[in-house]
Amino acid sequence: MSAKTDNTFEKKMARLQEIVAALESGDLPLEKGMALYKEGAACSRYCRDQLEKARHELELWQEGQARPFEPRSGADGAPDAEEETE
């Protein structure tokens, strides 16, 4: 596979889930566990960066204005009690 097809959010997230499952199993030699941990940290960093880019894009495109994206707090979209007092 090319580097471009390997670096999608979904593939990195799936790989991160595989790594977490392998590390949680506890059946790995130390060296393999350390290598997987490092790979998982890289996958996590990549996914976090992609999410931050997407969030930034939403901020720019929300209602055609550059304003911060504010996700809905509750399932019904109502603000949390803490938000209501601010």
PDB file of N, CA and C in Angstrom:
ATOM      1  N   MET A   1       0.837  -1.194   0.000  1.00  0.00           N
ATOM      2  CA  MET A   1       0.000   0.000   0.000  1.00  0.00           C
ATOM      3  C   MET A   1       0.873   1.246   0.000  1.00  0.00           C
ATOM      4  N   SER A   2       0.365   2.308  -0.573  1.00  0.00           N
ATOM      5  CA  SER A   2       1.124   3.549  -0.566  1.00  0.00           C
ATOM      6  C   SER A   2       0.916   4.257   0.766  1.00  0.00           C
ATOM      7  N   ALA A   3       1.791   5.219   1.048  1.00  0.00           N
ATOM      8  CA  ALA A   3       1.680   5.970   2.295  1.00  0.00           C
ATOM      9  C   ALA A   3       0.368   6.746   2.334  1.00  0.00           C
ATOM     10  N   LYS A   4      -0.095   7.224   1.189  1.00  0.00           N
ATOM     11  CA  LYS A   4      -1.341   7.996   1.133  1.00  0.00           C
ATOM     12  C   LYS A   4      -2.545   7.161   1.569  1.00  0.00           C
ATOM     13  N   THR A   5      -2.629   5.913   1.135  1.00  0.00           N
ATOM     14  CA  THR A   5      -3.777   5.088   1.515  1.00  0.00           C
ATOM     15  C   THR A   5      -3.676   4.610   2.958  1.00  0.00           C
ATOM     16  N   ASP A   6      -2.481   4.556   3.520  1.00  0.00           N
ATOM     17  CA  ASP A   6      -2.315   4.144   4.906  1.00  0.00           C
ATOM     18  C   ASP A   6      -2.687   5.252   5.882  1.00  0.00           C
ATOM     19  N   ASN A   7      -2.610   6.492   5.430  1.00  0.00           N
ATOM     20  CA  ASN A   7      -2.819   7.617   6.330  1.00  0.00           C
ATOM     21  C   ASN A   7      -4.212   8.219   6.196  1.00  0.00           C
ATOM     22  N   THR A   8      -5.215   7.432   6.495  1.00  0.00           N
ATOM     23  CA  THR A   8      -6.557   7.984   6.604  1.00  0.00           C
ATOM     24  C   THR A   8      -6.968   7.871   8.060  1.00  0.00           C
ATOM     25  N   PHE A   9      -7.847   8.757   8.457  1.00  0.00           N
ATOM     26  CA  PHE A   9      -8.295   8.764   9.837  1.00  0.00           C
ATOM     27  C   PHE A   9      -8.854   7.397  10.241  1.00  0.00           C
ATOM     28  N   GLU A  10      -9.690   6.835   9.386  1.00  0.00           N
ATOM     29  CA  GLU A  10     -10.350   5.570   9.706  1.00  0.00           C
ATOM     30  C   GLU A  10      -9.345   4.437   9.856  1.00  0.00           C
ATOM     31  N   LYS A  11      -8.352   4.385   8.979  1.00  0.00           N
ATOM     32  CA  LYS A  11      -7.345   3.319   9.069  1.00  0.00           C
ATOM     33  C   LYS A  11      -6.477   3.474  10.305  1.00  0.00           C
ATOM     34  N   LYS A  12      -6.117   4.708  10.614  1.00  0.00           N
ATOM     35  CA  LYS A  12      -5.301   4.938  11.814  1.00  0.00           C
ATOM     36  C   LYS A  12      -6.099   4.612  13.076  1.00  0.00           C
ATOM     37  N   MET A  13      -7.379   4.957  13.078  1.00  0.00           N
ATOM     38  CA  MET A  13      -8.215   4.663  14.245  1.00  0.00           C
ATOM     39  C   MET A  13      -8.398   3.156  14.410  1.00  0.00           C
ATOM     40  N   ALA A  14      -8.605   2.459  13.303  1.00  0.00           N
ATOM     41  CA  ALA A  14      -8.745   0.999  13.366  1.00  0.00           C
ATOM     42  C   ALA A  14      -7.453   0.364  13.871  1.00  0.00           C
ATOM     43  N   ARG A  15      -6.325   0.861  13.384  1.00  0.00           N
ATOM     44  CA  ARG A  15      -5.030   0.321  13.836  1.00  0.00           C
ATOM     45  C   ARG A  15      -4.830   0.609  15.321  1.00  0.00           C
ATOM     46  N   LEU A  16      -5.215   1.782  15.762  1.00  0.00           N
ATOM     47  CA  LEU A  16      -5.096   2.123  17.176  1.00  0.00           C
ATOM     48  C   LEU A  16      -5.931   1.175  18.034  1.00  0.00           C
ATOM     49  N   GLN A  17      -7.132   0.837  17.574  1.00  0.00           N
ATOM     50  CA  GLN A  17      -7.975  -0.099  18.310  1.00  0.00           C
ATOM     51  C   GLN A  17      -7.335  -1.482  18.373  1.00  0.00           C
ATOM     52  N   GLU A  18      -6.700  -1.912  17.280  1.00  0.00           N
ATOM     53  CA  GLU A  18      -5.983  -3.199  17.281  1.00  0.00           C
ATOM     54  C   GLU A  18      -4.840  -3.179  18.292  1.00  0.00           C
ATOM     55  N   ILE A  19      -4.112  -2.079  18.310  1.00  0.00           N
ATOM     56  CA  ILE A  19      -2.972  -1.954  19.226  1.00  0.00           C
ATOM     57  C   ILE A  19      -3.446  -1.993  20.675  1.00  0.00           C
ATOM     58  N   VAL A  20      -4.512  -1.267  20.973  1.00  0.00           N
ATOM     59  CA  VAL A  20      -5.039  -1.248  22.342  1.00  0.00           C
ATOM     60  C   VAL A  20      -5.448  -2.656  22.769  1.00  0.00           C
ATOM     61  N   ALA A  21      -6.128  -3.371  21.891  1.00  0.00           N
ATOM     62  CA  ALA A  21      -6.553  -4.733  22.217  1.00  0.00           C
ATOM     63  C   ALA A  21      -5.341  -5.630  22.472  1.00  0.00           C
ATOM     64  N   ALA A  22      -4.304  -5.504  21.651  1.00  0.00           N
ATOM     65  CA  ALA A  22      -3.104  -6.320  21.827  1.00  0.00           C
ATOM     66  C   ALA A  22      -2.410  -5.989  23.138  1.00  0.00           C
ATOM     67  N   LEU A  23      -2.310  -4.699  23.461  1.00  0.00           N
ATOM     68  CA  LEU A  23      -1.656  -4.302  24.707  1.00  0.00           C
ATOM     69  C   LEU A  23      -2.463  -4.729  25.930  1.00  0.00           C
ATOM     70  N   GLU A  24      -3.780  -4.661  25.829  1.00  0.00           N
ATOM     71  CA  GLU A  24      -4.626  -5.059  26.950  1.00  0.00           C
ATOM     72  C   GLU A  24      -4.599  -6.561  27.189  1.00  0.00           C
ATOM     73  N   SER A  25      -4.270  -7.328  26.158  1.00  0.00           N
ATOM     74  CA  SER A  25      -4.238  -8.783  26.327  1.00  0.00           C
ATOM     75  C   SER A  25      -3.133  -9.205  27.293  1.00  0.00           C
ATOM     76  N   GLY A  26      -2.070  -8.429  27.341  1.00  0.00           N
ATOM     77  CA  GLY A  26      -0.972  -8.723  28.263  1.00  0.00           C
ATOM     78  C   GLY A  26      -0.118  -9.904  27.860  1.00  0.00           C
ATOM     79  N   ASP A  27      -0.287 -10.422  26.656  1.00  0.00           N
ATOM     80  CA  ASP A  27       0.459 -11.601  26.211  1.00  0.00           C
ATOM     81  C   ASP A  27       1.630 -11.253  25.308  1.00  0.00           C
ATOM     82  N   LEU A  28       2.142 -10.044  25.402  1.00  0.00           N
ATOM     83  CA  LEU A  28       3.221  -9.607  24.518  1.00  0.00           C
ATOM     84  C   LEU A  28       4.557  -9.548  25.239  1.00  0.00           C
ATOM     85  N   PRO A  29       5.626  -9.862  24.534  1.00  0.00           N
ATOM     86  CA  PRO A  29       6.947  -9.620  25.106  1.00  0.00           C
ATOM     87  C   PRO A  29       7.142  -8.110  25.279  1.00  0.00           C
ATOM     88  N   LEU A  30       7.987  -7.731  26.184  1.00  0.00           N
ATOM     89  CA  LEU A  30       8.215  -6.324  26.496  1.00  0.00           C
ATOM     90  C   LEU A  30       8.569  -5.510  25.252  1.00  0.00           C
ATOM     91  N   GLU A  31       9.476  -6.008  24.445  1.00  0.00           N
ATOM     92  CA  GLU A  31       9.925  -5.263  23.264  1.00  0.00           C
ATOM     93  C   GLU A  31       8.775  -5.013  22.292  1.00  0.00           C
ATOM     94  N   LYS A  32       7.950  -6.028  22.069  1.00  0.00           N
ATOM     95  CA  LYS A  32       6.805  -5.898  21.173  1.00  0.00           C
ATOM     96  C   LYS A  32       5.794  -4.915  21.756  1.00  0.00           C
ATOM     97  N   GLY A  33       5.574  -4.997  23.056  1.00  0.00           N
ATOM     98  CA  GLY A  33       4.653  -4.072  23.716  1.00  0.00           C
ATOM     99  C   GLY A  33       5.118  -2.631  23.600  1.00  0.00           C
ATOM    100  N   MET A  34       6.411  -2.405  23.777  1.00  0.00           N
ATOM    101  CA  MET A  34       6.958  -1.053  23.653  1.00  0.00           C
ATOM    102  C   MET A  34       6.812  -0.537  22.222  1.00  0.00           C
ATOM    103  N   ALA A  35       7.083  -1.391  21.239  1.00  0.00           N
ATOM    104  CA  ALA A  35       6.952  -0.987  19.833  1.00  0.00           C
ATOM    105  C   ALA A  35       5.500  -0.645  19.505  1.00  0.00           C
ATOM    106  N   LEU A  36       4.574  -1.469  19.987  1.00  0.00           N
ATOM    107  CA  LEU A  36       3.158  -1.200  19.739  1.00  0.00           C
ATOM    108  C   LEU A  36       2.703   0.075  20.447  1.00  0.00           C
ATOM    109  N   TYR A  37       3.205   0.303  21.652  1.00  0.00           N
ATOM    110  CA  TYR A  37       2.856   1.519  22.378  1.00  0.00           C
ATOM    111  C   TYR A  37       3.281   2.751  21.586  1.00  0.00           C
ATOM    112  N   LYS A  38       4.491   2.734  21.062  1.00  0.00           N
ATOM    113  CA  LYS A  38       4.992   3.872  20.279  1.00  0.00           C
ATOM    114  C   LYS A  38       4.168   4.068  19.012  1.00  0.00           C
ATOM    115  N   GLU A  39       3.834   2.966  18.339  1.00  0.00           N
ATOM    116  CA  GLU A  39       3.009   3.056  17.141  1.00  0.00           C
ATOM    117  C   GLU A  39       1.628   3.601  17.488  1.00  0.00           C
ATOM    118  N   GLY A  40       1.074   3.145  18.602  1.00  0.00           N
ATOM    119  CA  GLY A  40      -0.227   3.624  19.038  1.00  0.00           C
ATOM    120  C   GLY A  40      -0.220   5.108  19.361  1.00  0.00           C
ATOM    121  N   ALA A  41       0.858   5.570  19.988  1.00  0.00           N
ATOM    122  CA  ALA A  41       0.971   6.999  20.290  1.00  0.00           C
ATOM    123  C   ALA A  41       1.001   7.814  19.000  1.00  0.00           C
ATOM    124  N   ALA A  42       1.690   7.313  17.975  1.00  0.00           N
ATOM    125  CA  ALA A  42       1.745   8.008  16.689  1.00  0.00           C
ATOM    126  C   ALA A  42       0.363   8.017  16.027  1.00  0.00           C
ATOM    127  N   CYS A  43      -0.346   6.902  16.076  1.00  0.00           N
ATOM    128  CA  CYS A  43      -1.698   6.836  15.514  1.00  0.00           C
ATOM    129  C   CYS A  43      -2.627   7.801  16.244  1.00  0.00           C
ATOM    130  N   SER A  44      -2.525   7.837  17.552  1.00  0.00           N
ATOM    131  CA  SER A  44      -3.351   8.717  18.358  1.00  0.00           C
ATOM    132  C   SER A  44      -3.080  10.177  18.021  1.00  0.00           C
ATOM    133  N   ARG A  45      -1.820  10.535  17.895  1.00  0.00           N
ATOM    134  CA  ARG A  45      -1.435  11.902  17.554  1.00  0.00           C
ATOM    135  C   ARG A  45      -1.999  12.287  16.169  1.00  0.00           C
ATOM    136  N   TYR A  46      -1.880  11.370  15.194  1.00  0.00           N
ATOM    137  CA  TYR A  46      -2.401  11.616  13.850  1.00  0.00           C
ATOM    138  C   TYR A  46      -3.917  11.852  13.900  1.00  0.00           C
ATOM    139  N   CYS A  47      -4.639  10.983  14.607  1.00  0.00           N
ATOM    140  CA  CYS A  47      -6.095  11.111  14.694  1.00  0.00           C
ATOM    141  C   CYS A  47      -6.494  12.414  15.389  1.00  0.00           C
ATOM    142  N   ARG A  48      -5.788  12.757  16.459  1.00  0.00           N
ATOM    143  CA  ARG A  48      -6.073  13.992  17.180  1.00  0.00           C
ATOM    144  C   ARG A  48      -5.866  15.201  16.259  1.00  0.00           C
ATOM    145  N   ASP A  49      -4.782  15.189  15.486  1.00  0.00           N
ATOM    146  CA  ASP A  49      -4.511  16.283  14.554  1.00  0.00           C
ATOM    147  C   ASP A  49      -5.597  16.392  13.493  1.00  0.00           C
ATOM    148  N   GLN A  50      -6.037  15.249  12.962  1.00  0.00           N
ATOM    149  CA  GLN A  50      -7.090  15.260  11.942  1.00  0.00           C
ATOM    150  C   GLN A  50      -8.402  15.794  12.511  1.00  0.00           C
ATOM    151  N   LEU A  51      -8.732  15.401  13.734  1.00  0.00           N
ATOM    152  CA  LEU A  51      -9.946  15.907  14.376  1.00  0.00           C
ATOM    153  C   LEU A  51      -9.859  17.412  14.613  1.00  0.00           C
ATOM    154  N   GLU A  52      -8.691  17.874  14.999  1.00  0.00           N
ATOM    155  CA  GLU A  52      -8.502  19.303  15.223  1.00  0.00           C
ATOM    156  C   GLU A  52      -8.648  20.081  13.911  1.00  0.00           C
ATOM    157  N   LYS A  53      -8.129  19.527  12.824  1.00  0.00           N
ATOM    158  CA  LYS A  53      -8.286  20.169  11.508  1.00  0.00           C
ATOM    159  C   LYS A  53      -9.755  20.227  11.114  1.00  0.00           C
ATOM    160  N   ALA A  54     -10.475  19.139  11.346  1.00  0.00           N
ATOM    161  CA  ALA A  54     -11.901  19.103  11.010  1.00  0.00           C
ATOM    162  C   ALA A  54     -12.667  20.113  11.858  1.00  0.00           C
ATOM    163  N   ARG A  55     -12.319  20.196  13.115  1.00  0.00           N
ATOM    164  CA  ARG A  55     -12.988  21.152  14.008  1.00  0.00           C
ATOM    165  C   ARG A  55     -12.735  22.580  13.541  1.00  0.00           C
ATOM    166  N   HIS A  56     -11.506  22.844  13.152  1.00  0.00           N
ATOM    167  CA  HIS A  56     -11.158  24.178  12.662  1.00  0.00           C
ATOM    168  C   HIS A  56     -11.962  24.507  11.400  1.00  0.00           C
ATOM    169  N   GLU A  57     -12.081  23.536  10.502  1.00  0.00           N
ATOM    170  CA  GLU A  57     -12.850  23.748   9.275  1.00  0.00           C
ATOM    171  C   GLU A  57     -14.314  24.043   9.595  1.00  0.00           C
ATOM    172  N   LEU A  58     -14.873  23.332  10.574  1.00  0.00           N
ATOM    173  CA  LEU A  58     -16.258  23.602  10.977  1.00  0.00           C
ATOM    174  C   LEU A  58     -16.410  25.017  11.529  1.00  0.00           C
ATOM    175  N   GLU A  59     -15.407  25.456  12.280  1.00  0.00           N
ATOM    176  CA  GLU A  59     -15.448  26.813  12.809  1.00  0.00           C
ATOM    177  C   GLU A  59     -15.508  27.829  11.677  1.00  0.00           C
ATOM    178  N   LEU A  60     -14.735  27.588  10.625  1.00  0.00           N
ATOM    179  CA  LEU A  60     -14.682  28.527   9.512  1.00  0.00           C
ATOM    180  C   LEU A  60     -15.948  28.522   8.670  1.00  0.00           C
ATOM    181  N   TRP A  61     -16.586  27.368   8.552  1.00  0.00           N
ATOM    182  CA  TRP A  61     -17.721  27.236   7.651  1.00  0.00           C
ATOM    183  C   TRP A  61     -19.076  27.311   8.327  1.00  0.00           C
ATOM    184  N   GLN A  62     -19.103  27.342   9.630  1.00  0.00           N
ATOM    185  CA  GLN A  62     -20.393  27.379  10.331  1.00  0.00           C
ATOM    186  C   GLN A  62     -21.133  28.668   9.968  1.00  0.00           C
ATOM    187  N   GLU A  63     -22.254  28.509   9.336  1.00  0.00           N
ATOM    188  CA  GLU A  63     -23.110  29.616   8.916  1.00  0.00           C
ATOM    189  C   GLU A  63     -22.361  30.659   8.099  1.00  0.00           C
ATOM    190  N   GLY A  64     -21.302  30.250   7.397  1.00  0.00           N
ATOM    191  CA  GLY A  64     -20.570  31.167   6.538  1.00  0.00           C
ATOM    192  C   GLY A  64     -19.770  32.212   7.285  1.00  0.00           C
ATOM    193  N   GLN A  65     -19.631  32.044   8.572  1.00  0.00           N
ATOM    194  CA  GLN A  65     -18.905  33.009   9.384  1.00  0.00           C
ATOM    195  C   GLN A  65     -17.776  32.304  10.109  1.00  0.00           C
ATOM    196  N   ALA A  66     -16.736  33.035  10.402  1.00  0.00           N
ATOM    197  CA  ALA A  66     -15.642  32.491  11.198  1.00  0.00           C
ATOM    198  C   ALA A  66     -15.996  32.690  12.666  1.00  0.00           C
ATOM    199  N   ARG A  67     -16.605  31.669  13.224  1.00  0.00           N
ATOM    200  CA  ARG A  67     -16.939  31.732  14.646  1.00  0.00           C
ATOM    201  C   ARG A  67     -16.704  30.355  15.250  1.00  0.00           C
ATOM    202  N   PRO A  68     -16.418  30.282  16.538  1.00  0.00           N
ATOM    203  CA  PRO A  68     -16.094  28.994  17.166  1.00  0.00           C
ATOM    204  C   PRO A  68     -17.238  27.998  17.062  1.00  0.00           C
ATOM    205  N   PHE A  69     -16.873  26.758  16.851  1.00  0.00           N
ATOM    206  CA  PHE A  69     -17.838  25.665  16.820  1.00  0.00           C
ATOM    207  C   PHE A  69     -18.178  25.296  18.248  1.00  0.00           C
ATOM    208  N   GLU A  70     -19.467  25.254  18.572  1.00  0.00           N
ATOM    209  CA  GLU A  70     -19.906  24.882  19.910  1.00  0.00           C
ATOM    210  C   GLU A  70     -20.818  23.671  19.793  1.00  0.00           C
ATOM    211  N   PRO A  71     -20.284  22.471  20.085  1.00  0.00           N
ATOM    212  CA  PRO A  71     -21.110  21.268  19.983  1.00  0.00           C
ATOM    213  C   PRO A  71     -22.246  21.310  20.996  1.00  0.00           C
ATOM    214  N   ARG A  72     -23.327  20.655  20.627  1.00  0.00           N
ATOM    215  CA  ARG A  72     -24.455  20.574  21.556  1.00  0.00           C
ATOM    216  C   ARG A  72     -24.067  19.718  22.743  1.00  0.00           C
ATOM    217  N   SER A  73     -24.491  20.140  23.918  1.00  0.00           N
ATOM    218  CA  SER A  73     -24.076  19.463  25.142  1.00  0.00           C
ATOM    219  C   SER A  73     -24.873  18.207  25.429  1.00  0.00           C
ATOM    220  N   GLY A  74     -26.174  18.315  25.457  1.00  0.00           N
ATOM    221  CA  GLY A  74     -27.021  17.179  25.803  1.00  0.00           C
ATOM    222  C   GLY A  74     -27.542  16.491  24.560  1.00  0.00           C
ATOM    223  N   ALA A  75     -28.183  15.362  24.764  1.00  0.00           N
ATOM    224  CA  ALA A  75     -28.743  14.612  23.647  1.00  0.00           C
ATOM    225  C   ALA A  75     -29.829  15.419  22.948  1.00  0.00           C
ATOM    226  N   ASP A  76     -30.524  16.280  23.706  1.00  0.00           N
ATOM    227  CA  ASP A  76     -31.585  17.083  23.122  1.00  0.00           C
ATOM    228  C   ASP A  76     -31.092  18.440  22.646  1.00  0.00           C
ATOM    229  N   GLY A  77     -29.784  18.688  22.805  1.00  0.00           N
ATOM    230  CA  GLY A  77     -29.220  19.950  22.361  1.00  0.00           C
ATOM    231  C   GLY A  77     -29.281  21.037  23.409  1.00  0.00           C
ATOM    232  N   ALA A  78     -29.882  20.750  24.547  1.00  0.00           N
ATOM    233  CA  ALA A  78     -29.969  21.734  25.611  1.00  0.00           C
ATOM    234  C   ALA A  78     -28.608  21.871  26.284  1.00  0.00           C
ATOM    235  N   PRO A  79     -28.253  23.078  26.689  1.00  0.00           N
ATOM    236  CA  PRO A  79     -26.966  23.261  27.360  1.00  0.00           C
ATOM    237  C   PRO A  79     -26.964  22.604  28.732  1.00  0.00           C
ATOM    238  N   ASP A  80     -25.783  22.239  29.181  1.00  0.00           N
ATOM    239  CA  ASP A  80     -25.649  21.703  30.518  1.00  0.00           C
ATOM    240  C   ASP A  80     -26.001  22.791  31.531  1.00  0.00           C
ATOM    241  N   ALA A  81     -26.331  22.387  32.744  1.00  0.00           N
ATOM    242  CA  ALA A  81     -26.667  23.338  33.790  1.00  0.00           C
ATOM    243  C   ALA A  81     -25.507  24.315  34.008  1.00  0.00           C
ATOM    244  N   GLU A  82     -24.289  23.809  33.910  1.00  0.00           N
ATOM    245  CA  GLU A  82     -23.100  24.618  34.099  1.00  0.00           C
ATOM    246  C   GLU A  82     -23.027  25.717  33.033  1.00  0.00           C
ATOM    247  N   GLU A  83     -23.389  25.403  31.784  1.00  0.00           N
ATOM    248  CA  GLU A  83     -23.352  26.363  30.705  1.00  0.00           C
ATOM    249  C   GLU A  83     -24.423  27.425  30.853  1.00  0.00           C
ATOM    250  N   GLU A  84     -25.561  27.067  31.448  1.00  0.00           N
ATOM    251  CA  GLU A  84     -26.642  28.004  31.590  1.00  0.00           C
ATOM    252  C   GLU A  84     -26.288  29.129  32.535  1.00  0.00           C
ATOM    253  N   THR A  85     -25.410  28.890  33.522  1.00  0.00           N
ATOM    254  CA  THR A  85     -25.070  29.889  34.514  1.00  0.00           C
ATOM    255  C   THR A  85     -23.983  30.829  34.051  1.00  0.00           C
ATOM    256  N   GLU A  86     -23.306  30.497  32.976  1.00  0.00           N
ATOM    257  CA  GLU A  86     -22.198  31.344  32.506  1.00  0.00           C
ATOM    258  C   GLU A  86     -22.698  32.580  31.808  1.00  0.00           C
TER     259      GLU A  86
END
